[in-house]
Amino acid sequence: MPPRHPVPGTGPAGQGDFEALQASVLFCDRCRGARPVRERLLLVLPDGELHEYVCAACGSSVGKRKVTGAPPLLVPR
């Protein structure tokens, strides 16, 4: 019997549904609750970028995310 609610992104039509998720609310230890967050670029790496999630209320770091992309296109001169 097939599942009633298939997992998104597992079928041929839904591949890549969740490739670029961004958090909008995360738990902040300092504020002791779920708070809106801002995403800040921390570091540019050869294989991607490292982003930090910062609490919008108090400014403390609440998480990190690494974004990997295709390697940069090098054009010969």
C-alpha atoms as a PDB file:
ATOM      1  CA  MET A   1       0.000   0.000   0.000  1.00  0.00           C
ATOM      2  CA  PRO A   2       1.592   3.343  -1.018  1.00  0.00           C
ATOM      3  CA  PRO A   3       1.922   6.045   1.647  1.00  0.00           C
ATOM      4  CA  ARG A   4      -0.916   8.543   1.820  1.00  0.00           C
ATOM      5  CA  HIS A   5       1.367  11.552   1.991  1.00  0.00           C
ATOM      6  CA  PRO A   6       4.609  10.940   0.099  1.00  0.00           C
ATOM      7  CA  VAL A   7       7.697  12.738   1.315  1.00  0.00           C
ATOM      8  CA  PRO A   8       8.238  15.968  -0.687  1.00  0.00           C
ATOM      9  CA  GLY A   9      11.245  15.917  -2.971  1.00  0.00           C
ATOM     10  CA  THR A  10      11.364  12.129  -3.344  1.00  0.00           C
ATOM     11  CA  GLY A  11       9.309  11.724  -6.500  1.00  0.00           C
ATOM     12  CA  PRO A  12      10.337  12.633 -10.031  1.00  0.00           C
ATOM     13  CA  ALA A  13       8.131  15.744 -10.117  1.00  0.00           C
ATOM     14  CA  GLY A  14       9.244  16.994  -6.701  1.00  0.00           C
ATOM     15  CA  GLN A  15      13.006  16.611  -6.961  1.00  0.00           C
ATOM     16  CA  GLY A  16      14.733  19.649  -5.544  1.00  0.00           C
ATOM     17  CA  ASP A  17      11.720  21.030  -3.678  1.00  0.00           C
ATOM     18  CA  PHE A  18      13.763  21.809  -0.579  1.00  0.00           C
ATOM     19  CA  GLU A  19      17.173  22.664  -1.981  1.00  0.00           C
ATOM     20  CA  ALA A  20      17.224  26.265  -0.728  1.00  0.00           C
ATOM     21  CA  LEU A  21      15.613  26.421   2.703  1.00  0.00           C
ATOM     22  CA  GLN A  22      16.163  29.477   4.880  1.00  0.00           C
ATOM     23  CA  ALA A  23      15.154  29.782   8.505  1.00  0.00           C
ATOM     24  CA  SER A  24      12.926  32.680   9.484  1.00  0.00           C
ATOM     25  CA  VAL A  25      12.418  31.818  13.176  1.00  0.00           C
ATOM     26  CA  LEU A  26      14.803  29.909  15.468  1.00  0.00           C
ATOM     27  CA  PHE A  27      15.082  29.333  19.227  1.00  0.00           C
ATOM     28  CA  CYS A  28      17.332  31.870  20.970  1.00  0.00           C
ATOM     29  CA  ASP A  29      19.008  30.760  24.227  1.00  0.00           C
ATOM     30  CA  ARG A  30      19.462  34.327  25.446  1.00  0.00           C
ATOM     31  CA  CYS A  31      15.837  35.384  24.783  1.00  0.00           C
ATOM     32  CA  ARG A  32      14.530  31.958  25.919  1.00  0.00           C
ATOM     33  CA  GLY A  33      12.097  31.608  23.034  1.00  0.00           C
ATOM     34  CA  ALA A  34      11.567  31.418  19.288  1.00  0.00           C
ATOM     35  CA  ARG A  35      12.620  34.679  17.648  1.00  0.00           C
ATOM     36  CA  PRO A  36      12.908  35.998  14.089  1.00  0.00           C
ATOM     37  CA  VAL A  37      16.411  35.703  12.666  1.00  0.00           C
ATOM     38  CA  ARG A  38      18.566  37.542  10.156  1.00  0.00           C
ATOM     39  CA  GLU A  39      21.005  35.718   7.925  1.00  0.00           C
ATOM     40  CA  ARG A  40      24.540  37.109   7.757  1.00  0.00           C
ATOM     41  CA  LEU A  41      27.344  36.045   5.402  1.00  0.00           C
ATOM     42  CA  LEU A  42      30.280  34.888   7.515  1.00  0.00           C
ATOM     43  CA  LEU A  43      32.796  33.426   5.103  1.00  0.00           C
ATOM     44  CA  VAL A  44      33.235  32.720   1.398  1.00  0.00           C
ATOM     45  CA  LEU A  45      34.836  29.303   0.903  1.00  0.00           C
ATOM     46  CA  PRO A  46      36.126  27.618  -2.270  1.00  0.00           C
ATOM     47  CA  ASP A  47      33.202  25.183  -2.167  1.00  0.00           C
ATOM     48  CA  GLY A  48      30.458  27.551  -0.974  1.00  0.00           C
ATOM     49  CA  GLU A  49      29.480  30.194   1.563  1.00  0.00           C
ATOM     50  CA  LEU A  50      29.049  30.005   5.327  1.00  0.00           C
ATOM     51  CA  HIS A  51      26.089  31.984   6.696  1.00  0.00           C
ATOM     52  CA  GLU A  52      25.196  32.719  10.319  1.00  0.00           C
ATOM     53  CA  TYR A  53      21.695  33.141  11.728  1.00  0.00           C
ATOM     54  CA  VAL A  54      21.490  36.026  14.227  1.00  0.00           C
ATOM     55  CA  CYS A  55      18.577  36.699  16.596  1.00  0.00           C
ATOM     56  CA  ALA A  56      16.775  39.867  15.473  1.00  0.00           C
ATOM     57  CA  ALA A  57      15.927  40.790  19.078  1.00  0.00           C
ATOM     58  CA  CYS A  58      19.268  40.461  20.918  1.00  0.00           C
ATOM     59  CA  GLY A  59      21.859  39.896  18.167  1.00  0.00           C
ATOM     60  CA  SER A  60      23.240  36.591  19.453  1.00  0.00           C
ATOM     61  CA  SER A  61      24.228  33.794  17.075  1.00  0.00           C
ATOM     62  CA  VAL A  62      21.586  31.042  16.917  1.00  0.00           C
ATOM     63  CA  GLY A  63      22.764  28.875  14.000  1.00  0.00           C
ATOM     64  CA  LYS A  64      24.839  28.432  10.859  1.00  0.00           C
ATOM     65  CA  ARG A  65      24.185  27.285   7.309  1.00  0.00           C
ATOM     66  CA  LYS A  66      26.583  26.303   4.537  1.00  0.00           C
ATOM     67  CA  VAL A  67      25.449  27.066   0.999  1.00  0.00           C
ATOM     68  CA  THR A  68      27.213  25.040  -1.654  1.00  0.00           C
ATOM     69  CA  GLY A  69      26.930  25.896  -5.278  1.00  0.00           C
ATOM     70  CA  ALA A  70      28.396  25.061  -8.618  1.00  0.00           C
ATOM     71  CA  PRO A  71      32.092  25.857  -8.938  1.00  0.00           C
ATOM     72  CA  PRO A  72      32.767  29.270 -10.434  1.00  0.00           C
ATOM     73  CA  LEU A  73      33.028  29.409 -14.196  1.00  0.00           C
ATOM     74  CA  LEU A  74      36.554  30.244 -15.277  1.00  0.00           C
ATOM     75  CA  VAL A  75      36.762  31.974 -18.619  1.00  0.00           C
ATOM     76  CA  PRO A  76      40.132  31.735 -20.403  1.00  0.00           C
ATOM     77  CA  ARG A  77      41.573  34.983 -21.711  1.00  0.00           C
END
